[in-house]
């Protein structure tokens, strides 16, 4: 049996590496498309539910609407539950306080 030459092994290795990189890029594109095609929620009704017990209804609806539009989620309930929507919980005002009700 004839020995396999080093250039042949190197070219095979490079070909496999290129194929792997192309496949990884395609998987990343599919994941990106899936994330952008996520169904938009109805922010008006979600914020109406979230702000129903707020003492300042208009301000709550305005802040919640802004947060919902950016994050495409609103935590359940009338307060708290921020762990269910990390983006919503991470938005801050210029003063460093939580923006979203």
PDB file of N, CA and C in Angstrom:
ATOM      1  N   UNK A   1       0.833  -1.171   0.000  1.00  0.00           N
ATOM      2  CA  UNK A   1       0.000   0.000   0.000  1.00  0.00           C
ATOM      3  C   UNK A   1       0.890   1.251   0.000  1.00  0.00           C
ATOM      4  N   UNK A   2       0.572   2.230  -0.843  1.00  0.00           N
ATOM      5  CA  UNK A   2       1.387   3.431  -0.978  1.00  0.00           C
ATOM      6  C   UNK A   2       1.071   4.391   0.164  1.00  0.00           C
ATOM      7  N   UNK A   3       2.093   5.068   0.680  1.00  0.00           N
ATOM      8  CA  UNK A   3       1.859   6.034   1.760  1.00  0.00           C
ATOM      9  C   UNK A   3       1.097   7.260   1.231  1.00  0.00           C
ATOM     10  N   UNK A   4       0.271   7.846   2.109  1.00  0.00           N
ATOM     11  CA  UNK A   4      -0.508   9.039   1.737  1.00  0.00           C
ATOM     12  C   UNK A   4       0.385  10.259   1.915  1.00  0.00           C
ATOM     13  N   UNK A   5       0.404  11.117   0.916  1.00  0.00           N
ATOM     14  CA  UNK A   5       1.293  12.278   0.954  1.00  0.00           C
ATOM     15  C   UNK A   5       0.754  13.354   1.905  1.00  0.00           C
ATOM     16  N   UNK A   6       1.662  14.121   2.467  1.00  0.00           N
ATOM     17  CA  UNK A   6       1.298  15.195   3.402  1.00  0.00           C
ATOM     18  C   UNK A   6       0.442  16.277   2.739  1.00  0.00           C
ATOM     19  N   UNK A   7       0.724  16.677   1.502  1.00  0.00           N
ATOM     20  CA  UNK A   7      -0.135  17.691   0.860  1.00  0.00           C
ATOM     21  C   UNK A   7      -1.586  17.206   0.692  1.00  0.00           C
ATOM     22  N   UNK A   8      -1.774  15.909   0.425  1.00  0.00           N
ATOM     23  CA  UNK A   8      -3.121  15.368   0.283  1.00  0.00           C
ATOM     24  C   UNK A   8      -3.864  15.413   1.612  1.00  0.00           C
ATOM     25  N   UNK A   9      -3.185  15.043   2.681  1.00  0.00           N
ATOM     26  CA  UNK A   9      -3.805  15.085   4.008  1.00  0.00           C
ATOM     27  C   UNK A   9      -4.148  16.528   4.380  1.00  0.00           C
ATOM     28  N   UNK A  10      -3.251  17.462   4.110  1.00  0.00           N
ATOM     29  CA  UNK A  10      -3.487  18.868   4.418  1.00  0.00           C
ATOM     30  C   UNK A  10      -4.669  19.413   3.635  1.00  0.00           C
ATOM     31  N   UNK A  11      -4.784  19.078   2.357  1.00  0.00           N
ATOM     32  CA  UNK A  11      -5.899  19.579   1.557  1.00  0.00           C
ATOM     33  C   UNK A  11      -7.220  18.973   2.026  1.00  0.00           C
ATOM     34  N   UNK A  12      -7.218  17.715   2.419  1.00  0.00           N
ATOM     35  CA  UNK A  12      -8.430  17.098   2.968  1.00  0.00           C
ATOM     36  C   UNK A  12      -8.853  17.782   4.269  1.00  0.00           C
ATOM     37  N   UNK A  13      -7.888  18.048   5.122  1.00  0.00           N
ATOM     38  CA  UNK A  13      -8.165  18.711   6.384  1.00  0.00           C
ATOM     39  C   UNK A  13      -8.748  20.106   6.155  1.00  0.00           C
ATOM     40  N   UNK A  14      -8.155  20.864   5.252  1.00  0.00           N
ATOM     41  CA  UNK A  14      -8.640  22.216   4.937  1.00  0.00           C
ATOM     42  C   UNK A  14     -10.046  22.157   4.342  1.00  0.00           C
ATOM     43  N   UNK A  15     -10.308  21.185   3.488  1.00  0.00           N
ATOM     44  CA  UNK A  15     -11.645  21.033   2.904  1.00  0.00           C
ATOM     45  C   UNK A  15     -12.686  20.750   3.977  1.00  0.00           C
ATOM     46  N   UNK A  16     -12.352  19.869   4.908  1.00  0.00           N
ATOM     47  CA  UNK A  16     -13.278  19.570   6.002  1.00  0.00           C
ATOM     48  C   UNK A  16     -13.517  20.798   6.875  1.00  0.00           C
ATOM     49  N   UNK A  17     -12.493  21.566   7.124  1.00  0.00           N
ATOM     50  CA  UNK A  17     -12.624  22.781   7.916  1.00  0.00           C
ATOM     51  C   UNK A  17     -13.534  23.794   7.223  1.00  0.00           C
ATOM     52  N   UNK A  18     -13.355  23.972   5.933  1.00  0.00           N
ATOM     53  CA  UNK A  18     -14.193  24.907   5.176  1.00  0.00           C
ATOM     54  C   UNK A  18     -15.653  24.441   5.187  1.00  0.00           C
ATOM     55  N   UNK A  19     -15.881  23.160   4.999  1.00  0.00           N
ATOM     56  CA  UNK A  19     -17.251  22.634   5.037  1.00  0.00           C
ATOM     57  C   UNK A  19     -17.889  22.866   6.402  1.00  0.00           C
ATOM     58  N   UNK A  20     -17.135  22.653   7.453  1.00  0.00           N
ATOM     59  CA  UNK A  20     -17.650  22.867   8.800  1.00  0.00           C
ATOM     60  C   UNK A  20     -18.014  24.335   9.018  1.00  0.00           C
ATOM     61  N   UNK A  21     -17.149  25.255   8.561  1.00  0.00           N
ATOM     62  CA  UNK A  21     -17.424  26.685   8.717  1.00  0.00           C
ATOM     63  C   UNK A  21     -18.660  27.110   7.933  1.00  0.00           C
ATOM     64  N   UNK A  22     -18.832  26.588   6.731  1.00  0.00           N
ATOM     65  CA  UNK A  22     -20.003  26.917   5.921  1.00  0.00           C
ATOM     66  C   UNK A  22     -21.272  26.417   6.602  1.00  0.00           C
ATOM     67  N   UNK A  23     -21.231  25.202   7.127  1.00  0.00           N
ATOM     68  CA  UNK A  23     -22.390  24.643   7.811  1.00  0.00           C
ATOM     69  C   UNK A  23     -22.738  25.453   9.065  1.00  0.00           C
ATOM     70  N   UNK A  24     -21.736  25.862   9.825  1.00  0.00           N
ATOM     71  CA  UNK A  24     -21.969  26.674  11.024  1.00  0.00           C
ATOM     72  C   UNK A  24     -22.584  28.022  10.659  1.00  0.00           C
ATOM     73  N   UNK A  25     -22.127  28.624   9.562  1.00  0.00           N
ATOM     74  CA  UNK A  25     -22.676  29.902   9.108  1.00  0.00           C
ATOM     75  C   UNK A  25     -24.137  29.757   8.701  1.00  0.00           C
ATOM     76  N   UNK A  26     -24.464  28.673   8.020  1.00  0.00           N
ATOM     77  CA  UNK A  26     -25.847  28.435   7.616  1.00  0.00           C
ATOM     78  C   UNK A  26     -26.751  28.229   8.826  1.00  0.00           C
ATOM     79  N   UNK A  27     -26.266  27.527   9.836  1.00  0.00           N
ATOM     80  CA  UNK A  27     -27.060  27.316  11.048  1.00  0.00           C
ATOM     81  C   UNK A  27     -27.282  28.632  11.779  1.00  0.00           C
ATOM     82  N   UNK A  28     -26.281  29.501  11.792  1.00  0.00           N
ATOM     83  CA  UNK A  28     -26.416  30.792  12.438  1.00  0.00           C
ATOM     84  C   UNK A  28     -27.441  31.660  11.706  1.00  0.00           C
ATOM     85  N   UNK A  29     -27.453  31.617  10.379  1.00  0.00           N
ATOM     86  CA  UNK A  29     -28.426  32.372   9.595  1.00  0.00           C
ATOM     87  C   UNK A  29     -29.839  31.882   9.881  1.00  0.00           C
ATOM     88  N   UNK A  30     -30.025  30.567   9.984  1.00  0.00           N
ATOM     89  CA  UNK A  30     -31.350  30.009  10.285  1.00  0.00           C
ATOM     90  C   UNK A  30     -31.820  30.457  11.658  1.00  0.00           C
ATOM     91  N   UNK A  31     -30.928  30.463  12.648  1.00  0.00           N
ATOM     92  CA  UNK A  31     -31.286  30.886  13.995  1.00  0.00           C
ATOM     93  C   UNK A  31     -31.647  32.367  14.013  1.00  0.00           C
ATOM     94  N   UNK A  32     -30.918  33.163  13.251  1.00  0.00           N
ATOM     95  CA  UNK A  32     -31.195  34.593  13.173  1.00  0.00           C
ATOM     96  C   UNK A  32     -32.550  34.855  12.531  1.00  0.00           C
ATOM     97  N   UNK A  33     -32.861  34.131  11.468  1.00  0.00           N
ATOM     98  CA  UNK A  33     -34.159  34.281  10.816  1.00  0.00           C
ATOM     99  C   UNK A  33     -35.299  33.870  11.736  1.00  0.00           C
ATOM    100  N   UNK A  34     -35.104  32.819  12.498  1.00  0.00           N
ATOM    101  CA  UNK A  34     -36.136  32.360  13.427  1.00  0.00           C
ATOM    102  C   UNK A  34     -36.389  33.403  14.504  1.00  0.00           C
ATOM    103  N   UNK A  35     -35.341  34.053  14.979  1.00  0.00           N
ATOM    104  CA  UNK A  35     -35.490  35.058  16.022  1.00  0.00           C
ATOM    105  C   UNK A  35     -36.190  36.305  15.495  1.00  0.00           C
ATOM    106  N   UNK A  36     -35.909  36.713  14.266  1.00  0.00           N
ATOM    107  CA  UNK A  36     -36.522  37.919  13.727  1.00  0.00           C
ATOM    108  C   UNK A  36     -37.953  37.687  13.274  1.00  0.00           C
ATOM    109  N   UNK A  37     -38.309  36.451  12.988  1.00  0.00           N
ATOM    110  CA  UNK A  37     -39.665  36.184  12.533  1.00  0.00           C
ATOM    111  C   UNK A  37     -40.604  35.836  13.682  1.00  0.00           C
ATOM    112  N   UNK A  38     -40.143  36.076  14.931  1.00  0.00           N
ATOM    113  CA  UNK A  38     -40.964  35.793  16.093  1.00  0.00           C
ATOM    114  C   UNK A  38     -42.223  36.665  16.045  1.00  0.00           C
ATOM    115  N   UNK A  39     -43.351  36.065  16.380  1.00  0.00           N
ATOM    116  CA  UNK A  39     -44.633  36.757  16.310  1.00  0.00           C
ATOM    117  C   UNK A  39     -44.671  37.915  17.309  1.00  0.00           C
ATOM    118  N   UNK A  40     -45.109  39.073  16.849  1.00  0.00           N
ATOM    119  CA  UNK A  40     -45.231  40.240  17.714  1.00  0.00           C
ATOM    120  C   UNK A  40     -46.435  40.075  18.633  1.00  0.00           C
ATOM    121  N   UNK A  41     -46.267  40.469  19.897  1.00  0.00           N
ATOM    122  CA  UNK A  41     -47.382  40.375  20.832  1.00  0.00           C
ATOM    123  C   UNK A  41     -48.217  41.642  20.758  1.00  0.00           C
ATOM    124  N   UNK A  42     -49.417  41.582  21.267  1.00  0.00           N
ATOM    125  CA  UNK A  42     -50.313  42.734  21.318  1.00  0.00           C
ATOM    126  C   UNK A  42     -49.948  43.553  22.549  1.00  0.00           C
ATOM    127  N   UNK A  43     -49.108  44.559  22.360  1.00  0.00           N
ATOM    128  CA  UNK A  43     -48.606  45.352  23.477  1.00  0.00           C
ATOM    129  C   UNK A  43     -49.721  46.109  24.197  1.00  0.00           C
ATOM    130  N   UNK A  44     -50.711  46.583  23.467  1.00  0.00           N
ATOM    131  CA  UNK A  44     -51.788  47.356  24.092  1.00  0.00           C
ATOM    132  C   UNK A  44     -52.529  46.523  25.133  1.00  0.00           C
ATOM    133  N   UNK A  45     -52.909  45.306  24.779  1.00  0.00           N
ATOM    134  CA  UNK A  45     -53.658  44.493  25.743  1.00  0.00           C
ATOM    135  C   UNK A  45     -52.749  43.966  26.849  1.00  0.00           C
ATOM    136  N   UNK A  46     -51.489  43.656  26.528  1.00  0.00           N
ATOM    137  CA  UNK A  46     -50.552  43.188  27.554  1.00  0.00           C
ATOM    138  C   UNK A  46     -50.288  44.292  28.575  1.00  0.00           C
ATOM    139  N   UNK A  47     -50.130  45.524  28.098  1.00  0.00           N
ATOM    140  CA  UNK A  47     -49.886  46.644  29.011  1.00  0.00           C
ATOM    141  C   UNK A  47     -51.150  47.028  29.778  1.00  0.00           C
ATOM    142  N   UNK A  48     -52.298  46.837  29.175  1.00  0.00           N
ATOM    143  CA  UNK A  48     -53.545  47.108  29.885  1.00  0.00           C
ATOM    144  C   UNK A  48     -53.659  46.180  31.094  1.00  0.00           C
ATOM    145  N   UNK A  49     -53.308  44.928  30.889  1.00  0.00           N
ATOM    146  CA  UNK A  49     -53.322  43.959  31.984  1.00  0.00           C
ATOM    147  C   UNK A  49     -52.261  44.313  33.023  1.00  0.00           C
ATOM    148  N   UNK A  50     -51.064  44.653  32.563  1.00  0.00           N
ATOM    149  CA  UNK A  50     -49.958  44.962  33.462  1.00  0.00           C
ATOM    150  C   UNK A  50     -50.239  46.200  34.300  1.00  0.00           C
ATOM    151  N   UNK A  51     -50.887  47.194  33.729  1.00  0.00           N
ATOM    152  CA  UNK A  51     -51.076  48.481  34.399  1.00  0.00           C
ATOM    153  C   UNK A  51     -52.445  48.659  35.050  1.00  0.00           C
ATOM    154  N   UNK A  52     -53.246  47.625  35.096  1.00  0.00           N
ATOM    155  CA  UNK A  52     -54.628  47.794  35.573  1.00  0.00           C
ATOM    156  C   UNK A  52     -54.729  48.265  37.019  1.00  0.00           C
ATOM    157  N   UNK A  53     -53.738  48.017  37.857  1.00  0.00           N
ATOM    158  CA  UNK A  53     -53.785  48.448  39.257  1.00  0.00           C
ATOM    159  C   UNK A  53     -52.888  49.650  39.537  1.00  0.00           C
ATOM    160  N   UNK A  54     -52.260  50.192  38.517  1.00  0.00           N
ATOM    161  CA  UNK A  54     -51.332  51.317  38.706  1.00  0.00           C
ATOM    162  C   UNK A  54     -52.075  52.576  39.110  1.00  0.00           C
ATOM    163  N   UNK A  55     -51.463  53.368  39.984  1.00  0.00           N
ATOM    164  CA  UNK A  55     -52.085  54.625  40.403  1.00  0.00           C
ATOM    165  C   UNK A  55     -51.958  55.692  39.323  1.00  0.00           C
ATOM    166  N   UNK A  56     -50.944  55.565  38.474  1.00  0.00           N
ATOM    167  CA  UNK A  56     -50.738  56.525  37.379  1.00  0.00           C
ATOM    168  C   UNK A  56     -50.852  55.763  36.065  1.00  0.00           C
ATOM    169  N   UNK A  57     -52.077  55.539  35.639  1.00  0.00           N
ATOM    170  CA  UNK A  57     -52.383  54.707  34.480  1.00  0.00           C
ATOM    171  C   UNK A  57     -51.691  55.163  33.194  1.00  0.00           C
ATOM    172  N   UNK A  58     -51.765  56.438  32.880  1.00  0.00           N
ATOM    173  CA  UNK A  58     -51.211  56.927  31.611  1.00  0.00           C
ATOM    174  C   UNK A  58     -49.691  56.740  31.561  1.00  0.00           C
ATOM    175  N   UNK A  59     -49.014  57.055  32.660  1.00  0.00           N
ATOM    176  CA  UNK A  59     -47.562  56.900  32.686  1.00  0.00           C
ATOM    177  C   UNK A  59     -47.182  55.417  32.605  1.00  0.00           C
ATOM    178  N   UNK A  60     -47.930  54.568  33.294  1.00  0.00           N
ATOM    179  CA  UNK A  60     -47.659  53.136  33.255  1.00  0.00           C
ATOM    180  C   UNK A  60     -47.832  52.594  31.838  1.00  0.00           C
ATOM    181  N   UNK A  61     -48.916  52.984  31.167  1.00  0.00           N
ATOM    182  CA  UNK A  61     -49.168  52.508  29.803  1.00  0.00           C
ATOM    183  C   UNK A  61     -48.088  52.997  28.835  1.00  0.00           C
ATOM    184  N   UNK A  62     -47.655  54.243  29.007  1.00  0.00           N
ATOM    185  CA  UNK A  62     -46.633  54.789  28.117  1.00  0.00           C
ATOM    186  C   UNK A  62     -45.303  54.046  28.296  1.00  0.00           C
ATOM    187  N   UNK A  63     -44.889  53.856  29.546  1.00  0.00           N
ATOM    188  CA  UNK A  63     -43.620  53.163  29.811  1.00  0.00           C
ATOM    189  C   UNK A  63     -43.712  51.695  29.385  1.00  0.00           C
ATOM    190  N   UNK A  64     -44.807  51.049  29.714  1.00  0.00           N
ATOM    191  CA  UNK A  64     -44.982  49.642  29.351  1.00  0.00           C
ATOM    192  C   UNK A  64     -44.998  49.471  27.834  1.00  0.00           C
ATOM    193  N   UNK A  65     -45.669  50.371  27.136  1.00  0.00           N
ATOM    194  CA  UNK A  65     -45.728  50.298  25.680  1.00  0.00           C
ATOM    195  C   UNK A  65     -44.364  50.424  25.037  1.00  0.00           C
ATOM    196  N   UNK A  66     -43.538  51.339  25.549  1.00  0.00           N
ATOM    197  CA  UNK A  66     -42.184  51.512  25.037  1.00  0.00           C
ATOM    198  C   UNK A  66     -41.359  50.251  25.270  1.00  0.00           C
ATOM    199  N   UNK A  67     -41.462  49.714  26.481  1.00  0.00           N
ATOM    200  CA  UNK A  67     -40.693  48.511  26.828  1.00  0.00           C
ATOM    201  C   UNK A  67     -41.157  47.315  26.000  1.00  0.00           C
ATOM    202  N   UNK A  68     -42.452  47.178  25.829  1.00  0.00           N
ATOM    203  CA  UNK A  68     -43.012  46.069  25.055  1.00  0.00           C
ATOM    204  C   UNK A  68     -42.567  46.150  23.596  1.00  0.00           C
ATOM    205  N   UNK A  69     -42.571  47.351  23.041  1.00  0.00           N
ATOM    206  CA  UNK A  69     -42.158  47.512  21.649  1.00  0.00           C
ATOM    207  C   UNK A  69     -40.696  47.124  21.451  1.00  0.00           C
ATOM    208  N   UNK A  70     -39.855  47.436  22.410  1.00  0.00           N
ATOM    209  CA  UNK A  70     -38.433  47.105  22.299  1.00  0.00           C
ATOM    210  C   UNK A  70     -38.163  45.626  22.539  1.00  0.00           C
ATOM    211  N   UNK A  71     -38.879  45.043  23.509  1.00  0.00           N
ATOM    212  CA  UNK A  71     -38.568  43.683  23.962  1.00  0.00           C
ATOM    213  C   UNK A  71     -39.505  42.612  23.408  1.00  0.00           C
ATOM    214  N   UNK A  72     -40.661  43.010  22.912  1.00  0.00           N
ATOM    215  CA  UNK A  72     -41.681  42.082  22.420  1.00  0.00           C
ATOM    216  C   UNK A  72     -42.119  41.103  23.513  1.00  0.00           C
ATOM    217  N   UNK A  73     -42.151  41.590  24.752  1.00  0.00           N
ATOM    218  CA  UNK A  73     -42.684  40.794  25.849  1.00  0.00           C
ATOM    219  C   UNK A  73     -43.059  41.708  27.006  1.00  0.00           C
ATOM    220  N   UNK A  74     -44.005  41.245  27.805  1.00  0.00           N
ATOM    221  CA  UNK A  74     -44.418  41.933  29.018  1.00  0.00           C
ATOM    222  C   UNK A  74     -44.586  40.850  30.082  1.00  0.00           C
ATOM    223  N   UNK A  75     -43.971  41.026  31.258  1.00  0.00           N
ATOM    224  CA  UNK A  75     -44.110  40.003  32.296  1.00  0.00           C
ATOM    225  C   UNK A  75     -45.570  39.841  32.727  1.00  0.00           C
ATOM    226  N   UNK A  76     -45.955  38.647  33.134  1.00  0.00           N
ATOM    227  CA  UNK A  76     -47.332  38.428  33.576  1.00  0.00           C
ATOM    228  C   UNK A  76     -47.603  39.122  34.909  1.00  0.00           C
ATOM    229  N   UNK A  77     -48.854  39.373  35.187  1.00  0.00           N
ATOM    230  CA  UNK A  77     -49.235  39.985  36.458  1.00  0.00           C
ATOM    231  C   UNK A  77     -49.165  41.492  36.404  1.00  0.00           C
ATOM    232  N   UNK A  78     -49.425  42.117  37.555  1.00  0.00           N
ATOM    233  CA  UNK A  78     -49.445  43.574  37.619  1.00  0.00           C
ATOM    234  C   UNK A  78     -48.133  44.165  38.109  1.00  0.00           C
ATOM    235  N   UNK A  79     -47.260  43.342  38.672  1.00  0.00           N
ATOM    236  CA  UNK A  79     -45.927  43.808  39.071  1.00  0.00           C
ATOM    237  C   UNK A  79     -45.012  42.610  39.248  1.00  0.00           C
ATOM    238  N   UNK A  80     -43.707  42.897  39.311  1.00  0.00           N
ATOM    239  CA  UNK A  80     -42.736  41.819  39.497  1.00  0.00           C
ATOM    240  C   UNK A  80     -42.656  40.900  38.296  1.00  0.00           C
ATOM    241  N   UNK A  81     -42.293  39.647  38.525  1.00  0.00           N
ATOM    242  CA  UNK A  81     -42.163  38.611  37.491  1.00  0.00           C
ATOM    243  C   UNK A  81     -41.198  38.994  36.376  1.00  0.00           C
ATOM    244  N   UNK A  82     -40.233  39.842  36.675  1.00  0.00           N
ATOM    245  CA  UNK A  82     -39.296  40.309  35.645  1.00  0.00           C
ATOM    246  C   UNK A  82     -38.416  39.190  35.097  1.00  0.00           C
ATOM    247  N   UNK A  83     -38.269  38.093  35.831  1.00  0.00           N
ATOM    248  CA  UNK A  83     -37.431  37.000  35.349  1.00  0.00           C
ATOM    249  C   UNK A  83     -37.985  36.353  34.081  1.00  0.00           C
ATOM    250  N   UNK A  84     -39.275  36.547  33.818  1.00  0.00           N
ATOM    251  CA  UNK A  84     -39.870  35.963  32.612  1.00  0.00           C
ATOM    252  C   UNK A  84     -39.591  36.787  31.358  1.00  0.00           C
ATOM    253  N   UNK A  85     -39.058  37.987  31.530  1.00  0.00           N
ATOM    254  CA  UNK A  85     -38.744  38.849  30.386  1.00  0.00           C
ATOM    255  C   UNK A  85     -37.501  39.669  30.732  1.00  0.00           C
ATOM    256  N   UNK A  86     -36.329  39.100  30.487  1.00  0.00           N
ATOM    257  CA  UNK A  86     -35.062  39.734  30.879  1.00  0.00           C
ATOM    258  C   UNK A  86     -34.858  41.107  30.235  1.00  0.00           C
ATOM    259  N   UNK A  87     -35.209  41.226  28.974  1.00  0.00           N
ATOM    260  CA  UNK A  87     -35.042  42.506  28.271  1.00  0.00           C
ATOM    261  C   UNK A  87     -35.860  43.593  28.961  1.00  0.00           C
ATOM    262  N   UNK A  88     -37.097  43.290  29.268  1.00  0.00           N
ATOM    263  CA  UNK A  88     -38.018  44.218  29.933  1.00  0.00           C
ATOM    264  C   UNK A  88     -37.429  44.677  31.257  1.00  0.00           C
ATOM    265  N   UNK A  89     -36.814  43.754  31.980  1.00  0.00           N
ATOM    266  CA  UNK A  89     -36.263  44.058  33.301  1.00  0.00           C
ATOM    267  C   UNK A  89     -34.943  44.818  33.231  1.00  0.00           C
ATOM    268  N   UNK A  90     -34.283  44.824  32.078  1.00  0.00           N
ATOM    269  CA  UNK A  90     -32.968  45.452  31.987  1.00  0.00           C
ATOM    270  C   UNK A  90     -33.005  46.898  31.499  1.00  0.00           C
ATOM    271  N   UNK A  91     -34.151  47.373  31.022  1.00  0.00           N
ATOM    272  CA  UNK A  91     -34.223  48.753  30.531  1.00  0.00           C
ATOM    273  C   UNK A  91     -34.261  49.728  31.711  1.00  0.00           C
ATOM    274  N   UNK A  92     -33.416  50.764  31.652  1.00  0.00           N
ATOM    275  CA  UNK A  92     -33.313  51.734  32.734  1.00  0.00           C
ATOM    276  C   UNK A  92     -33.601  53.132  32.230  1.00  0.00           C
ATOM    277  N   UNK A  93     -34.024  54.017  33.146  1.00  0.00           N
ATOM    278  CA  UNK A  93     -34.231  55.430  32.832  1.00  0.00           C
ATOM    279  C   UNK A  93     -32.876  56.128  32.848  1.00  0.00           C
ATOM    280  N   UNK A  94     -32.869  57.409  32.494  1.00  0.00           N
ATOM    281  CA  UNK A  94     -31.624  58.173  32.546  1.00  0.00           C
ATOM    282  C   UNK A  94     -31.106  58.274  33.974  1.00  0.00           C
ATOM    283  N   UNK A  95     -32.001  58.168  34.937  1.00  0.00           N
ATOM    284  CA  UNK A  95     -31.628  58.231  36.350  1.00  0.00           C
ATOM    285  C   UNK A  95     -31.152  56.900  36.913  1.00  0.00           C
ATOM    286  N   UNK A  96     -31.151  55.840  36.092  1.00  0.00           N
ATOM    287  CA  UNK A  96     -30.676  54.540  36.546  1.00  0.00           C
ATOM    288  C   UNK A  96     -31.733  53.677  37.208  1.00  0.00           C
ATOM    289  N   UNK A  97     -32.980  54.110  37.187  1.00  0.00           N
ATOM    290  CA  UNK A  97     -34.066  53.306  37.773  1.00  0.00           C
ATOM    291  C   UNK A  97     -34.708  52.464  36.690  1.00  0.00           C
ATOM    292  N   UNK A  98     -35.443  51.435  37.115  1.00  0.00           N
ATOM    293  CA  UNK A  98     -36.128  50.574  36.138  1.00  0.00           C
ATOM    294  C   UNK A  98     -37.139  51.380  35.343  1.00  0.00           C
ATOM    295  N   UNK A  99     -37.083  51.252  34.045  1.00  0.00           N
ATOM    296  CA  UNK A  99     -37.985  51.994  33.171  1.00  0.00           C
ATOM    297  C   UNK A  99     -39.361  51.348  33.093  1.00  0.00           C
ATOM    298  N   UNK A 100     -39.370  50.029  33.075  1.00  0.00           N
ATOM    299  CA  UNK A 100     -40.596  49.304  32.798  1.00  0.00           C
ATOM    300  C   UNK A 100     -41.359  48.956  34.066  1.00  0.00           C
ATOM    301  N   UNK A 101     -42.661  49.200  34.062  1.00  0.00           N
ATOM    302  CA  UNK A 101     -43.471  48.925  35.268  1.00  0.00           C
ATOM    303  C   UNK A 101     -43.668  47.435  35.490  1.00  0.00           C
TER     304      UNK A 101
END
